[in-house]
Amino acid sequence: MARILALSSQVVSGYVGLSAIVPGLQRLGHEVLPIPTILLSNHPGQQPAKGSRIEPAVLEEIIAALETNGRLTPLDAILTGYLPTAAHVAVAVAAVTRCRHLNKKLVVLCDPVIGDDPKGVYIDQAAAVAIRDHLLNSADILTPNRFELSWLSGLPVTDAATAIVAARSLNRPLIIATSIPISGEQLATLAVTPDTVAIASVSRRTFAPNGTGDLLAALFLARYLEPTATVDDALCWSVAEVERVLVASSGRAELHLTIAPN
């Protein structure tokens, strides 16, 4: 199976960032090289939360050592998630450049963790701008939520039609747009290419634990990398799997990722 470098946040307790991404990828047999951009006791929405960012220079040293030790050859994909500063974004861009030099067929998925409804942008503004202006241009697949798609494109996103226009304005091969309202009771995830659109919808929930975006990005990439998989297949399967996890997580503050995979 594939070897995937993943850069994102990590928590000791709970299932967000790498703590959701790694099991999501591993459950389909992929090898993961996880590099935390920040290490926290738990999600910061559950106080107290303690920990610290991993300095960009340390991340650069780790990636260089992996290359020296031959762990980046072959590398099939890179997944980027939470990048707290513009310097962390620069590390991610450099990693993509370095790894694309080693494998021209490298698949890069960027989950642009910038903000959400109703809070808006919740990371450092300079980091958000760096993701938009630099990292997005390196990605083959983007997985923004409704707010992020609107912010990145500078266009309103209120339904499926406006989401398609906004996604195509980003000029990337594949956009997986999540949390797109399509009716009062339904939210859609759209897979948008320059020529095609696929839609998977689920019922709107009053509450969902943190980490669903991380898990969806990981599961979509895991399925997408399978030799016989199509975009439609990867979309429908990953959305269904996240929904199954959410059903199992009902009444819990955290995702329930210890259920047996389908």
C-alpha atoms as a PDB file:
ATOM      1  CA  MET A   1       0.000   0.000   0.000  1.00  0.00           C
ATOM      2  CA  ALA A   2       0.992   3.668  -0.008  1.00  0.00           C
ATOM      3  CA  ARG A   3       3.463   5.499   2.200  1.00  0.00           C
ATOM      4  CA  ILE A   4       2.046   8.862   3.343  1.00  0.00           C
ATOM      5  CA  LEU A   5       3.689  11.789   5.129  1.00  0.00           C
ATOM      6  CA  ALA A   6       1.154  13.610   7.332  1.00  0.00           C
ATOM      7  CA  LEU A   7       1.716  17.016   8.931  1.00  0.00           C
ATOM      8  CA  SER A   8      -0.921  18.258  11.356  1.00  0.00           C
ATOM      9  CA  SER A   9      -1.754  18.749  15.016  1.00  0.00           C
ATOM     10  CA  GLN A  10      -1.684  15.892  17.510  1.00  0.00           C
ATOM     11  CA  VAL A  11      -3.456  15.375  20.819  1.00  0.00           C
ATOM     12  CA  VAL A  12      -2.653  12.904  23.574  1.00  0.00           C
ATOM     13  CA  SER A  13      -6.325  12.414  24.444  1.00  0.00           C
ATOM     14  CA  GLY A  14      -9.057  12.457  21.819  1.00  0.00           C
ATOM     15  CA  TYR A  15      -9.284  12.070  18.060  1.00  0.00           C
ATOM     16  CA  VAL A  16      -8.430  15.233  16.162  1.00  0.00           C
ATOM     17  CA  GLY A  17      -5.566  16.071  13.808  1.00  0.00           C
ATOM     18  CA  LEU A  18      -3.068  13.250  13.470  1.00  0.00           C
ATOM     19  CA  SER A  19      -4.890  11.334  16.184  1.00  0.00           C
ATOM     20  CA  ALA A  20      -7.757  10.923  13.675  1.00  0.00           C
ATOM     21  CA  ILE A  21      -5.709  10.993  10.463  1.00  0.00           C
ATOM     22  CA  VAL A  22      -3.275   8.205  11.332  1.00  0.00           C
ATOM     23  CA  PRO A  23      -5.846   5.516  12.234  1.00  0.00           C
ATOM     24  CA  GLY A  24      -7.959   6.620   9.267  1.00  0.00           C
ATOM     25  CA  LEU A  25      -5.069   5.908   6.904  1.00  0.00           C
ATOM     26  CA  GLN A  26      -3.774   2.833   8.681  1.00  0.00           C
ATOM     27  CA  ARG A  27      -7.135   1.084   8.723  1.00  0.00           C
ATOM     28  CA  LEU A  28      -6.835   0.670   4.936  1.00  0.00           C
ATOM     29  CA  GLY A  29      -3.309  -0.623   5.177  1.00  0.00           C
ATOM     30  CA  HIS A  30      -1.329   2.522   4.365  1.00  0.00           C
ATOM     31  CA  GLU A  31       1.963   3.330   6.087  1.00  0.00           C
ATOM     32  CA  VAL A  32       1.906   6.744   7.773  1.00  0.00           C
ATOM     33  CA  LEU A  33       4.825   9.001   8.684  1.00  0.00           C
ATOM     34  CA  PRO A  34       3.134  11.423  11.132  1.00  0.00           C
ATOM     35  CA  ILE A  35       4.826  14.737  11.929  1.00  0.00           C
ATOM     36  CA  PRO A  36       3.018  16.865  14.558  1.00  0.00           C
ATOM     37  CA  THR A  37       3.023  20.622  14.067  1.00  0.00           C
ATOM     38  CA  ILE A  38       1.725  21.072  17.613  1.00  0.00           C
ATOM     39  CA  LEU A  39       1.338  18.614  20.494  1.00  0.00           C
ATOM     40  CA  LEU A  40      -1.508  19.177  22.952  1.00  0.00           C
ATOM     41  CA  SER A  41      -3.003  17.263  25.850  1.00  0.00           C
ATOM     42  CA  ASN A  42      -6.447  17.453  24.196  1.00  0.00           C
ATOM     43  CA  HIS A  43      -8.483  19.622  21.848  1.00  0.00           C
ATOM     44  CA  PRO A  44      -8.211  23.287  22.926  1.00  0.00           C
ATOM     45  CA  GLY A  45     -11.987  23.554  22.980  1.00  0.00           C
ATOM     46  CA  GLN A  46     -11.888  21.376  26.097  1.00  0.00           C
ATOM     47  CA  GLN A  47     -10.058  23.362  28.748  1.00  0.00           C
ATOM     48  CA  PRO A  48      -7.557  23.041  30.212  1.00  0.00           C
ATOM     49  CA  ALA A  49      -5.426  22.127  27.196  1.00  0.00           C
ATOM     50  CA  LYS A  50      -1.649  22.152  27.545  1.00  0.00           C
ATOM     51  CA  GLY A  51       1.171  21.641  25.084  1.00  0.00           C
ATOM     52  CA  SER A  52       3.205  23.596  22.564  1.00  0.00           C
ATOM     53  CA  ARG A  53       3.962  24.054  18.893  1.00  0.00           C
ATOM     54  CA  ILE A  54       6.811  22.109  17.335  1.00  0.00           C
ATOM     55  CA  GLU A  55       9.303  24.637  15.992  1.00  0.00           C
ATOM     56  CA  PRO A  56       9.520  24.768  12.178  1.00  0.00           C
ATOM     57  CA  ALA A  57      13.290  24.211  12.344  1.00  0.00           C
ATOM     58  CA  VAL A  58      12.687  20.935  14.191  1.00  0.00           C
ATOM     59  CA  LEU A  59      10.200  19.826  11.534  1.00  0.00           C
ATOM     60  CA  GLU A  60      12.759  20.629   8.824  1.00  0.00           C
ATOM     61  CA  GLU A  61      15.364  18.520  10.633  1.00  0.00           C
ATOM     62  CA  ILE A  62      12.935  15.613  10.925  1.00  0.00           C
ATOM     63  CA  ILE A  63      12.041  15.708   7.233  1.00  0.00           C
ATOM     64  CA  ALA A  64      15.721  15.963   6.231  1.00  0.00           C
ATOM     65  CA  ALA A  65      16.576  12.965   8.435  1.00  0.00           C
ATOM     66  CA  LEU A  66      13.736  10.953   6.916  1.00  0.00           C
ATOM     67  CA  GLU A  67      15.119  11.649   3.452  1.00  0.00           C
ATOM     68  CA  THR A  68      18.671  10.770   4.506  1.00  0.00           C
ATOM     69  CA  ASN A  69      17.416   7.491   5.965  1.00  0.00           C
ATOM     70  CA  GLY A  70      15.560   6.653   2.758  1.00  0.00           C
ATOM     71  CA  ARG A  71      12.103   6.923   4.330  1.00  0.00           C
ATOM     72  CA  LEU A  72      10.859   9.351   1.687  1.00  0.00           C
ATOM     73  CA  THR A  73      11.686   6.979  -1.162  1.00  0.00           C
ATOM     74  CA  PRO A  74       9.200   5.983  -2.262  1.00  0.00           C
ATOM     75  CA  LEU A  75       6.664   8.406  -0.785  1.00  0.00           C
ATOM     76  CA  ASP A  76       3.260   8.247  -2.441  1.00  0.00           C
ATOM     77  CA  ALA A  77       1.353  11.079  -0.799  1.00  0.00           C
ATOM     78  CA  ILE A  78       1.493  14.025   1.595  1.00  0.00           C
ATOM     79  CA  LEU A  79      -1.438  15.145   3.727  1.00  0.00           C
ATOM     80  CA  THR A  80      -1.270  18.568   5.392  1.00  0.00           C
ATOM     81  CA  GLY A  81      -3.674  19.705   8.075  1.00  0.00           C
ATOM     82  CA  TYR A  82      -3.223  22.173  10.925  1.00  0.00           C
ATOM     83  CA  LEU A  83      -0.295  24.540  10.293  1.00  0.00           C
ATOM     84  CA  PRO A  84      -0.228  27.173  13.058  1.00  0.00           C
ATOM     85  CA  THR A  85       2.099  29.803  11.530  1.00  0.00           C
ATOM     86  CA  ALA A  86       3.309  30.988   8.148  1.00  0.00           C
ATOM     87  CA  ALA A  87       6.664  29.373   8.950  1.00  0.00           C
ATOM     88  CA  HIS A  88       4.929  26.002   9.375  1.00  0.00           C
ATOM     89  CA  VAL A  89       3.232  26.508   6.026  1.00  0.00           C
ATOM     90  CA  ALA A  90       6.645  27.175   4.474  1.00  0.00           C
ATOM     91  CA  VAL A  91       7.900  23.862   5.884  1.00  0.00           C
ATOM     92  CA  ALA A  92       4.951  22.075   4.278  1.00  0.00           C
ATOM     93  CA  VAL A  93       5.555  23.742   0.904  1.00  0.00           C
ATOM     94  CA  ALA A  94       9.261  22.834   1.059  1.00  0.00           C
ATOM     95  CA  ALA A  95       8.390  19.231   1.965  1.00  0.00           C
ATOM     96  CA  VAL A  96       6.113  18.968  -1.056  1.00  0.00           C
ATOM     97  CA  THR A  97       8.826  20.372  -3.323  1.00  0.00           C
ATOM     98  CA  ARG A  98      11.424  17.999  -1.859  1.00  0.00           C
ATOM     99  CA  CYS A  99       9.191  14.940  -2.162  1.00  0.00           C
ATOM    100  CA  ARG A 100       7.938  15.788  -5.658  1.00  0.00           C
ATOM    101  CA  HIS A 101      11.564  15.805  -6.741  1.00  0.00           C
ATOM    102  CA  LEU A 102      11.764  12.206  -5.509  1.00  0.00           C
ATOM    103  CA  ASN A 103       8.420  11.120  -6.979  1.00  0.00           C
ATOM    104  CA  LYS A 104       6.779  13.047  -9.820  1.00  0.00           C
ATOM    105  CA  LYS A 105       3.518  11.145  -9.216  1.00  0.00           C
ATOM    106  CA  LEU A 106       3.248  12.290  -5.574  1.00  0.00           C
ATOM    107  CA  VAL A 107      -0.343  13.041  -4.493  1.00  0.00           C
ATOM    108  CA  VAL A 108      -0.700  16.059  -2.186  1.00  0.00           C
ATOM    109  CA  LEU A 109      -3.881  16.572  -0.173  1.00  0.00           C
ATOM    110  CA  CYS A 110      -4.190  19.890   1.652  1.00  0.00           C
ATOM    111  CA  ASP A 111      -6.847  20.146   4.327  1.00  0.00           C
ATOM    112  CA  PRO A 112      -6.794  23.944   4.723  1.00  0.00           C
ATOM    113  CA  VAL A 113      -7.486  24.199   8.441  1.00  0.00           C
ATOM    114  CA  ILE A 114      -8.285  27.913   8.588  1.00  0.00           C
ATOM    115  CA  GLY A 115     -11.679  28.378  10.200  1.00  0.00           C
ATOM    116  CA  ASP A 116     -15.301  27.331  10.397  1.00  0.00           C
ATOM    117  CA  ASP A 117     -18.806  28.581  10.993  1.00  0.00           C
ATOM    118  CA  PRO A 118     -19.657  30.492  13.120  1.00  0.00           C
ATOM    119  CA  LYS A 119     -16.202  31.479  14.447  1.00  0.00           C
ATOM    120  CA  GLY A 120     -14.622  32.482  11.142  1.00  0.00           C
ATOM    121  CA  VAL A 121     -10.837  32.381  10.831  1.00  0.00           C
ATOM    122  CA  TYR A 122      -9.384  30.814  13.988  1.00  0.00           C
ATOM    123  CA  ILE A 123      -5.717  30.492  13.072  1.00  0.00           C
ATOM    124  CA  ASP A 124      -3.064  33.186  12.719  1.00  0.00           C
ATOM    125  CA  GLN A 125      -4.015  35.436   9.806  1.00  0.00           C
ATOM    126  CA  ALA A 126      -0.535  35.231   8.277  1.00  0.00           C
ATOM    127  CA  ALA A 127      -0.756  31.424   8.315  1.00  0.00           C
ATOM    128  CA  ALA A 128      -4.155  31.523   6.605  1.00  0.00           C
ATOM    129  CA  VAL A 129      -2.819  33.838   3.894  1.00  0.00           C
ATOM    130  CA  ALA A 130       0.249  31.612   3.392  1.00  0.00           C
ATOM    131  CA  ILE A 131      -1.974  28.561   2.963  1.00  0.00           C
ATOM    132  CA  ARG A 132      -4.069  30.408   0.379  1.00  0.00           C
ATOM    133  CA  ASP A 133      -1.209  32.026  -1.521  1.00  0.00           C
ATOM    134  CA  HIS A 134       1.407  29.260  -1.406  1.00  0.00           C
ATOM    135  CA  LEU A 135       0.337  25.827  -0.177  1.00  0.00           C
ATOM    136  CA  LEU A 136      -2.837  25.567  -2.259  1.00  0.00           C
ATOM    137  CA  ASN A 137      -0.816  25.881  -5.448  1.00  0.00           C
ATOM    138  CA  SER A 138       1.141  22.763  -4.439  1.00  0.00           C
ATOM    139  CA  ALA A 139      -1.928  20.593  -3.776  1.00  0.00           C
ATOM    140  CA  ASP A 140      -3.685  18.076  -5.990  1.00  0.00           C
ATOM    141  CA  ILE A 141      -6.650  17.736  -3.615  1.00  0.00           C
ATOM    142  CA  LEU A 142      -8.169  20.336  -1.280  1.00  0.00           C
ATOM    143  CA  THR A 143     -10.714  19.535   1.445  1.00  0.00           C
ATOM    144  CA  PRO A 144     -12.157  22.872   2.655  1.00  0.00           C
ATOM    145  CA  ASN A 145     -15.343  23.223   4.633  1.00  0.00           C
ATOM    146  CA  ARG A 146     -17.985  25.757   3.539  1.00  0.00           C
ATOM    147  CA  PHE A 147     -16.372  28.686   5.370  1.00  0.00           C
ATOM    148  CA  GLU A 148     -12.861  27.830   4.158  1.00  0.00           C
ATOM    149  CA  LEU A 149     -13.992  27.434   0.547  1.00  0.00           C
ATOM    150  CA  SER A 150     -15.607  30.870   0.641  1.00  0.00           C
ATOM    151  CA  TRP A 151     -12.600  32.470   2.349  1.00  0.00           C
ATOM    152  CA  LEU A 152     -10.063  30.906  -0.002  1.00  0.00           C
ATOM    153  CA  SER A 153     -11.994  31.794  -3.147  1.00  0.00           C
ATOM    154  CA  GLY A 154     -13.319  35.174  -2.030  1.00  0.00           C
ATOM    155  CA  LEU A 155     -16.745  34.076  -3.288  1.00  0.00           C
ATOM    156  CA  PRO A 156     -20.024  33.418  -1.472  1.00  0.00           C
ATOM    157  CA  VAL A 157     -20.804  29.765  -0.804  1.00  0.00           C
ATOM    158  CA  THR A 158     -24.424  29.227   0.168  1.00  0.00           C
ATOM    159  CA  ASP A 159     -25.413  26.074  -1.702  1.00  0.00           C
ATOM    160  CA  ALA A 160     -24.118  23.429  -4.086  1.00  0.00           C
ATOM    161  CA  ALA A 161     -24.193  25.695  -7.141  1.00  0.00           C
ATOM    162  CA  THR A 162     -22.136  28.460  -5.521  1.00  0.00           C
ATOM    163  CA  ALA A 163     -19.785  25.881  -4.001  1.00  0.00           C
ATOM    164  CA  ILE A 164     -19.034  24.491  -7.464  1.00  0.00           C
ATOM    165  CA  VAL A 165     -18.247  27.971  -8.805  1.00  0.00           C
ATOM    166  CA  ALA A 166     -16.006  28.746  -5.815  1.00  0.00           C
ATOM    167  CA  ALA A 167     -14.239  25.382  -6.018  1.00  0.00           C
ATOM    168  CA  ARG A 168     -13.461  25.735  -9.718  1.00  0.00           C
ATOM    169  CA  SER A 169     -12.152  29.265  -9.185  1.00  0.00           C
ATOM    170  CA  LEU A 170      -9.305  27.788  -7.107  1.00  0.00           C
ATOM    171  CA  ASN A 171      -7.972  26.088 -10.261  1.00  0.00           C
ATOM    172  CA  ARG A 172      -6.975  22.828  -8.588  1.00  0.00           C
ATOM    173  CA  PRO A 173      -7.521  19.298  -9.939  1.00  0.00           C
ATOM    174  CA  LEU A 174      -9.917  18.152  -7.198  1.00  0.00           C
ATOM    175  CA  ILE A 175     -11.819  19.947  -4.442  1.00  0.00           C
ATOM    176  CA  ILE A 176     -13.683  18.015  -1.737  1.00  0.00           C
ATOM    177  CA  ALA A 177     -15.981  20.692  -0.311  1.00  0.00           C
ATOM    178  CA  THR A 178     -17.634  19.749   2.989  1.00  0.00           C
ATOM    179  CA  SER A 179     -20.580  21.061   5.019  1.00  0.00           C
ATOM    180  CA  ILE A 180     -22.315  22.590   2.005  1.00  0.00           C
ATOM    181  CA  PRO A 181     -25.989  23.350   2.754  1.00  0.00           C
ATOM    182  CA  ILE A 182     -28.367  21.921   0.175  1.00  0.00           C
ATOM    183  CA  SER A 183     -31.615  22.033   2.182  1.00  0.00           C
ATOM    184  CA  GLY A 184     -32.794  22.776   5.671  1.00  0.00           C
ATOM    185  CA  GLU A 185     -32.062  19.221   6.791  1.00  0.00           C
ATOM    186  CA  GLN A 186     -29.205  18.150   4.509  1.00  0.00           C
ATOM    187  CA  LEU A 187     -25.501  18.931   4.191  1.00  0.00           C
ATOM    188  CA  ALA A 188     -23.480  17.852   1.174  1.00  0.00           C
ATOM    189  CA  THR A 189     -19.893  16.943   0.459  1.00  0.00           C
ATOM    190  CA  LEU A 190     -18.985  17.754  -3.130  1.00  0.00           C
ATOM    191  CA  ALA A 191     -16.139  16.363  -5.235  1.00  0.00           C
ATOM    192  CA  VAL A 192     -15.478  19.035  -7.854  1.00  0.00           C
ATOM    193  CA  THR A 193     -13.080  18.732 -10.793  1.00  0.00           C
ATOM    194  CA  PRO A 194     -12.821  21.127 -13.747  1.00  0.00           C
ATOM    195  CA  ASP A 195     -15.286  18.915 -15.648  1.00  0.00           C
ATOM    196  CA  THR A 196     -17.283  16.845 -13.154  1.00  0.00           C
ATOM    197  CA  VAL A 197     -19.206  17.052  -9.890  1.00  0.00           C
ATOM    198  CA  ALA A 198     -20.170  14.277  -7.475  1.00  0.00           C
ATOM    199  CA  ILE A 199     -22.322  14.828  -4.394  1.00  0.00           C
ATOM    200  CA  ALA A 200     -22.836  12.819  -1.207  1.00  0.00           C
ATOM    201  CA  SER A 201     -25.327  14.141   1.333  1.00  0.00           C
ATOM    202  CA  VAL A 202     -26.084  13.431   4.978  1.00  0.00           C
ATOM    203  CA  SER A 203     -28.603  14.701   7.498  1.00  0.00           C
ATOM    204  CA  ARG A 204     -27.654  17.887   9.327  1.00  0.00           C
ATOM    205  CA  ARG A 205     -26.630  17.285  12.956  1.00  0.00           C
ATOM    206  CA  THR A 206     -27.076  19.640  15.871  1.00  0.00           C
ATOM    207  CA  PHE A 207     -23.700  18.505  17.234  1.00  0.00           C
ATOM    208  CA  ALA A 208     -20.703  16.636  15.875  1.00  0.00           C
ATOM    209  CA  PRO A 209     -17.455  15.968  17.757  1.00  0.00           C
ATOM    210  CA  ASN A 210     -14.266  17.678  16.624  1.00  0.00           C
ATOM    211  CA  GLY A 211     -12.124  15.782  14.138  1.00  0.00           C
ATOM    212  CA  THR A 212     -14.665  14.889  11.453  1.00  0.00           C
ATOM    213  CA  GLY A 213     -12.844  16.999   8.844  1.00  0.00           C
ATOM    214  CA  ASP A 214      -9.514  15.363   9.694  1.00  0.00           C
ATOM    215  CA  LEU A 215     -11.067  11.909   9.469  1.00  0.00           C
ATOM    216  CA  LEU A 216     -12.826  12.599   6.177  1.00  0.00           C
ATOM    217  CA  ALA A 217      -9.626  13.914   4.572  1.00  0.00           C
ATOM    218  CA  ALA A 218      -7.713  10.828   5.693  1.00  0.00           C
ATOM    219  CA  LEU A 219     -10.363   8.342   4.617  1.00  0.00           C
ATOM    220  CA  PHE A 220     -10.865  10.005   1.241  1.00  0.00           C
ATOM    221  CA  LEU A 221      -7.117   9.977   0.564  1.00  0.00           C
ATOM    222  CA  ALA A 222      -6.786   6.379   1.729  1.00  0.00           C
ATOM    223  CA  ARG A 223      -9.498   5.208  -0.656  1.00  0.00           C
ATOM    224  CA  TYR A 224      -8.409   7.520  -3.488  1.00  0.00           C
ATOM    225  CA  LEU A 225      -4.925   5.999  -3.459  1.00  0.00           C
ATOM    226  CA  GLU A 226      -6.246   2.504  -4.080  1.00  0.00           C
ATOM    227  CA  PRO A 227      -5.401   1.541  -7.681  1.00  0.00           C
ATOM    228  CA  THR A 228      -8.970   0.766  -8.780  1.00  0.00           C
ATOM    229  CA  ALA A 229     -10.769   3.513  -6.858  1.00  0.00           C
ATOM    230  CA  THR A 230     -12.601   6.386  -8.550  1.00  0.00           C
ATOM    231  CA  VAL A 231     -13.302   9.855  -7.174  1.00  0.00           C
ATOM    232  CA  ASP A 232     -17.004   8.971  -6.826  1.00  0.00           C
ATOM    233  CA  ASP A 233     -16.162   5.769  -4.973  1.00  0.00           C
ATOM    234  CA  ALA A 234     -13.727   7.504  -2.624  1.00  0.00           C
ATOM    235  CA  LEU A 235     -16.249  10.284  -1.928  1.00  0.00           C
ATOM    236  CA  CYS A 236     -19.245   8.057  -1.209  1.00  0.00           C
ATOM    237  CA  TRP A 237     -17.264   5.565   0.878  1.00  0.00           C
ATOM    238  CA  SER A 238     -15.460   8.173   2.999  1.00  0.00           C
ATOM    239  CA  VAL A 239     -18.637  10.164   3.677  1.00  0.00           C
ATOM    240  CA  ALA A 240     -20.478   6.969   4.638  1.00  0.00           C
ATOM    241  CA  GLU A 241     -17.640   5.906   6.948  1.00  0.00           C
ATOM    242  CA  VAL A 242     -17.568   9.279   8.730  1.00  0.00           C
ATOM    243  CA  GLU A 243     -21.343   9.088   9.130  1.00  0.00           C
ATOM    244  CA  ARG A 244     -20.992   5.587  10.609  1.00  0.00           C
ATOM    245  CA  VAL A 245     -18.419   6.884  13.099  1.00  0.00           C
ATOM    246  CA  LEU A 246     -20.710   9.794  14.019  1.00  0.00           C
ATOM    247  CA  VAL A 247     -23.591   7.419  14.689  1.00  0.00           C
ATOM    248  CA  ALA A 248     -21.307   5.364  16.938  1.00  0.00           C
ATOM    249  CA  SER A 249     -20.142   8.584  18.632  1.00  0.00           C
ATOM    250  CA  SER A 250     -23.650   9.730  19.574  1.00  0.00           C
ATOM    251  CA  GLY A 251     -23.668  11.106  23.122  1.00  0.00           C
ATOM    252  CA  ARG A 252     -19.866  11.309  23.258  1.00  0.00           C
ATOM    253  CA  ALA A 253     -17.706  14.430  23.351  1.00  0.00           C
ATOM    254  CA  GLU A 254     -15.060  12.686  21.185  1.00  0.00           C
ATOM    255  CA  LEU A 255     -15.176  10.658  17.997  1.00  0.00           C
ATOM    256  CA  HIS A 256     -15.493   6.930  18.666  1.00  0.00           C
ATOM    257  CA  LEU A 257     -12.704   5.574  16.461  1.00  0.00           C
ATOM    258  CA  THR A 258     -12.293   2.242  18.194  1.00  0.00           C
ATOM    259  CA  ILE A 259     -15.272   0.696  16.375  1.00  0.00           C
ATOM    260  CA  ALA A 260     -14.401  -2.065  13.919  1.00  0.00           C
ATOM    261  CA  PRO A 261     -13.943  -0.851  10.327  1.00  0.00           C
ATOM    262  CA  ASN A 262     -16.295  -1.882   7.506  1.00  0.00           C
END
